[in-house]
């Protein structure tokens, strides 16, 4: 525990440290991995991961699944959030620019 923060609630501690909640940190990690995949960093490993890799207009396609357990898969978690991401973040020229723009967009979410 960091001195001076032990009596603050979780949200106040995060705000004081400049961190996002765990859900946002997971989402940020998922979106960063999707950005790298779509820009070609994981070409061999992630071949066929998404049914469409066209990113113009944020239009990844969701694959229809029959089992509820598959809703937790990476592709299912990422598609809707990717399509709702700001265009300036999605069209970023590099991973660093994407991270900066994504953090700005996530800080505006409630």
C-alpha atoms as a PDB file:
ATOM      1  CA  UNK A   1       0.000   0.000   0.000  1.00  0.00           C
ATOM      2  CA  UNK A   2       1.234   3.471  -0.794  1.00  0.00           C
ATOM      3  CA  UNK A   3       1.507   5.736   2.223  1.00  0.00           C
ATOM      4  CA  UNK A   4      -1.206   8.334   2.435  1.00  0.00           C
ATOM      5  CA  UNK A   5      -3.574   6.393   0.199  1.00  0.00           C
ATOM      6  CA  UNK A   6      -4.553   3.567   2.549  1.00  0.00           C
ATOM      7  CA  UNK A   7      -7.721   5.308   3.733  1.00  0.00           C
ATOM      8  CA  UNK A   8      -8.948   6.311   0.279  1.00  0.00           C
ATOM      9  CA  UNK A   9     -11.500   4.242  -1.582  1.00  0.00           C
ATOM     10  CA  UNK A  10     -10.469   2.314  -4.709  1.00  0.00           C
ATOM     11  CA  UNK A  11     -11.664   4.952  -7.188  1.00  0.00           C
ATOM     12  CA  UNK A  12      -9.935   7.774  -5.309  1.00  0.00           C
ATOM     13  CA  UNK A  13      -6.669   5.793  -5.127  1.00  0.00           C
ATOM     14  CA  UNK A  14      -6.767   5.171  -8.876  1.00  0.00           C
ATOM     15  CA  UNK A  15      -7.504   8.819  -9.586  1.00  0.00           C
ATOM     16  CA  UNK A  16      -4.648   9.895  -7.305  1.00  0.00           C
ATOM     17  CA  UNK A  17      -2.250   7.525  -9.100  1.00  0.00           C
ATOM     18  CA  UNK A  18      -3.504   8.432 -12.582  1.00  0.00           C
ATOM     19  CA  UNK A  19      -4.692   4.902 -13.403  1.00  0.00           C
ATOM     20  CA  UNK A  20      -7.805   3.487 -15.055  1.00  0.00           C
ATOM     21  CA  UNK A  21     -10.111   0.925 -13.458  1.00  0.00           C
ATOM     22  CA  UNK A  22      -9.275  -2.718 -14.148  1.00  0.00           C
ATOM     23  CA  UNK A  23     -12.002  -3.047 -16.807  1.00  0.00           C
ATOM     24  CA  UNK A  24     -10.565  -0.136 -18.786  1.00  0.00           C
ATOM     25  CA  UNK A  25      -7.022  -1.472 -18.465  1.00  0.00           C
ATOM     26  CA  UNK A  26      -8.159  -4.841 -19.852  1.00  0.00           C
ATOM     27  CA  UNK A  27     -10.027  -3.144 -22.681  1.00  0.00           C
ATOM     28  CA  UNK A  28      -6.986  -0.994 -23.465  1.00  0.00           C
ATOM     29  CA  UNK A  29      -4.780  -4.097 -23.646  1.00  0.00           C
ATOM     30  CA  UNK A  30      -7.259  -5.886 -25.909  1.00  0.00           C
ATOM     31  CA  UNK A  31      -7.542  -2.903 -28.260  1.00  0.00           C
ATOM     32  CA  UNK A  32      -3.763  -2.508 -28.415  1.00  0.00           C
ATOM     33  CA  UNK A  33      -3.391  -6.179 -29.358  1.00  0.00           C
ATOM     34  CA  UNK A  34      -6.109  -5.781 -32.015  1.00  0.00           C
ATOM     35  CA  UNK A  35      -4.320  -2.708 -33.419  1.00  0.00           C
ATOM     36  CA  UNK A  36      -1.052  -4.635 -33.676  1.00  0.00           C
ATOM     37  CA  UNK A  37      -2.782  -7.589 -35.309  1.00  0.00           C
ATOM     38  CA  UNK A  38      -4.554  -5.397 -37.844  1.00  0.00           C
ATOM     39  CA  UNK A  39      -1.329  -3.532 -38.674  1.00  0.00           C
ATOM     40  CA  UNK A  40       0.426  -6.825 -39.402  1.00  0.00           C
ATOM     41  CA  UNK A  41       2.465  -7.528 -36.264  1.00  0.00           C
ATOM     42  CA  UNK A  42       0.861 -10.944 -35.680  1.00  0.00           C
ATOM     43  CA  UNK A  43       0.320 -11.967 -39.276  1.00  0.00           C
ATOM     44  CA  UNK A  44       1.214 -15.679 -38.868  1.00  0.00           C
ATOM     45  CA  UNK A  45      -0.122 -16.264 -35.351  1.00  0.00           C
ATOM     46  CA  UNK A  46      -3.461 -14.547 -35.813  1.00  0.00           C
ATOM     47  CA  UNK A  47      -4.272 -15.574 -39.356  1.00  0.00           C
ATOM     48  CA  UNK A  48      -8.037 -15.588 -39.775  1.00  0.00           C
ATOM     49  CA  UNK A  49      -8.662 -14.144 -36.319  1.00  0.00           C
ATOM     50  CA  UNK A  50     -11.292 -11.737 -37.606  1.00  0.00           C
ATOM     51  CA  UNK A  51     -13.628 -12.411 -40.515  1.00  0.00           C
ATOM     52  CA  UNK A  52     -12.797  -8.975 -41.949  1.00  0.00           C
ATOM     53  CA  UNK A  53      -9.585  -7.052 -41.469  1.00  0.00           C
ATOM     54  CA  UNK A  54     -10.777  -3.921 -43.230  1.00  0.00           C
ATOM     55  CA  UNK A  55     -10.404  -1.161 -40.675  1.00  0.00           C
ATOM     56  CA  UNK A  56     -11.604   1.752 -42.771  1.00  0.00           C
ATOM     57  CA  UNK A  57     -14.665   3.046 -40.977  1.00  0.00           C
ATOM     58  CA  UNK A  58     -14.032   0.775 -37.989  1.00  0.00           C
ATOM     59  CA  UNK A  59     -15.921  -2.118 -39.546  1.00  0.00           C
ATOM     60  CA  UNK A  60     -14.631  -5.373 -38.118  1.00  0.00           C
ATOM     61  CA  UNK A  61     -17.214  -8.089 -38.543  1.00  0.00           C
ATOM     62  CA  UNK A  62     -18.462 -10.193 -35.680  1.00  0.00           C
ATOM     63  CA  UNK A  63     -18.474 -13.950 -36.205  1.00  0.00           C
ATOM     64  CA  UNK A  64     -21.740 -15.646 -35.223  1.00  0.00           C
ATOM     65  CA  UNK A  65     -21.264 -18.221 -32.477  1.00  0.00           C
ATOM     66  CA  UNK A  66     -23.593 -20.839 -31.036  1.00  0.00           C
ATOM     67  CA  UNK A  67     -22.029 -21.388 -27.630  1.00  0.00           C
ATOM     68  CA  UNK A  68     -22.267 -18.791 -24.874  1.00  0.00           C
ATOM     69  CA  UNK A  69     -18.764 -19.603 -23.627  1.00  0.00           C
ATOM     70  CA  UNK A  70     -17.277 -18.186 -26.821  1.00  0.00           C
ATOM     71  CA  UNK A  71     -18.586 -14.716 -25.982  1.00  0.00           C
ATOM     72  CA  UNK A  72     -15.519 -14.305 -23.761  1.00  0.00           C
ATOM     73  CA  UNK A  73     -13.065 -14.892 -26.606  1.00  0.00           C
ATOM     74  CA  UNK A  74     -10.717 -12.103 -27.597  1.00  0.00           C
ATOM     75  CA  UNK A  75     -12.445 -11.457 -30.902  1.00  0.00           C
ATOM     76  CA  UNK A  76     -15.857 -11.155 -29.264  1.00  0.00           C
ATOM     77  CA  UNK A  77     -14.568  -8.733 -26.628  1.00  0.00           C
ATOM     78  CA  UNK A  78     -12.805  -6.536 -29.167  1.00  0.00           C
ATOM     79  CA  UNK A  79     -15.110  -6.182 -32.193  1.00  0.00           C
ATOM     80  CA  UNK A  80     -17.830  -3.939 -30.711  1.00  0.00           C
ATOM     81  CA  UNK A  81     -15.341  -1.743 -28.854  1.00  0.00           C
ATOM     82  CA  UNK A  82     -13.112  -1.438 -31.924  1.00  0.00           C
ATOM     83  CA  UNK A  83     -16.027  -0.382 -34.101  1.00  0.00           C
ATOM     84  CA  UNK A  84     -16.997   2.277 -31.519  1.00  0.00           C
ATOM     85  CA  UNK A  85     -13.444   3.593 -31.148  1.00  0.00           C
ATOM     86  CA  UNK A  86     -12.697   7.084 -32.469  1.00  0.00           C
ATOM     87  CA  UNK A  87     -11.509   7.120 -36.069  1.00  0.00           C
ATOM     88  CA  UNK A  88      -8.393   9.164 -35.205  1.00  0.00           C
ATOM     89  CA  UNK A  89      -7.271   6.384 -32.843  1.00  0.00           C
ATOM     90  CA  UNK A  90      -8.006   3.548 -35.267  1.00  0.00           C
ATOM     91  CA  UNK A  91      -6.222   5.313 -38.132  1.00  0.00           C
ATOM     92  CA  UNK A  92      -3.116   6.062 -36.030  1.00  0.00           C
ATOM     93  CA  UNK A  93       0.161   5.577 -37.922  1.00  0.00           C
ATOM     94  CA  UNK A  94       1.975   3.834 -35.049  1.00  0.00           C
ATOM     95  CA  UNK A  95       1.310   1.923 -31.850  1.00  0.00           C
ATOM     96  CA  UNK A  96       2.527   4.828 -29.713  1.00  0.00           C
ATOM     97  CA  UNK A  97       0.128   7.243 -31.420  1.00  0.00           C
ATOM     98  CA  UNK A  98      -2.669   4.696 -31.013  1.00  0.00           C
ATOM     99  CA  UNK A  99      -1.947   4.332 -27.288  1.00  0.00           C
ATOM    100  CA  UNK A 100      -2.022   8.086 -26.753  1.00  0.00           C
ATOM    101  CA  UNK A 101      -5.243   8.590 -28.694  1.00  0.00           C
ATOM    102  CA  UNK A 102      -6.894   5.557 -27.093  1.00  0.00           C
ATOM    103  CA  UNK A 103      -6.014   6.743 -23.578  1.00  0.00           C
ATOM    104  CA  UNK A 104      -7.595  10.101 -24.396  1.00  0.00           C
ATOM    105  CA  UNK A 105     -10.761   8.382 -25.583  1.00  0.00           C
ATOM    106  CA  UNK A 106     -10.888   6.054 -22.576  1.00  0.00           C
ATOM    107  CA  UNK A 107     -10.466   8.910 -20.121  1.00  0.00           C
ATOM    108  CA  UNK A 108     -13.710  10.397 -21.482  1.00  0.00           C
ATOM    109  CA  UNK A 109     -15.664   7.186 -20.781  1.00  0.00           C
ATOM    110  CA  UNK A 110     -17.581   6.988 -17.532  1.00  0.00           C
END
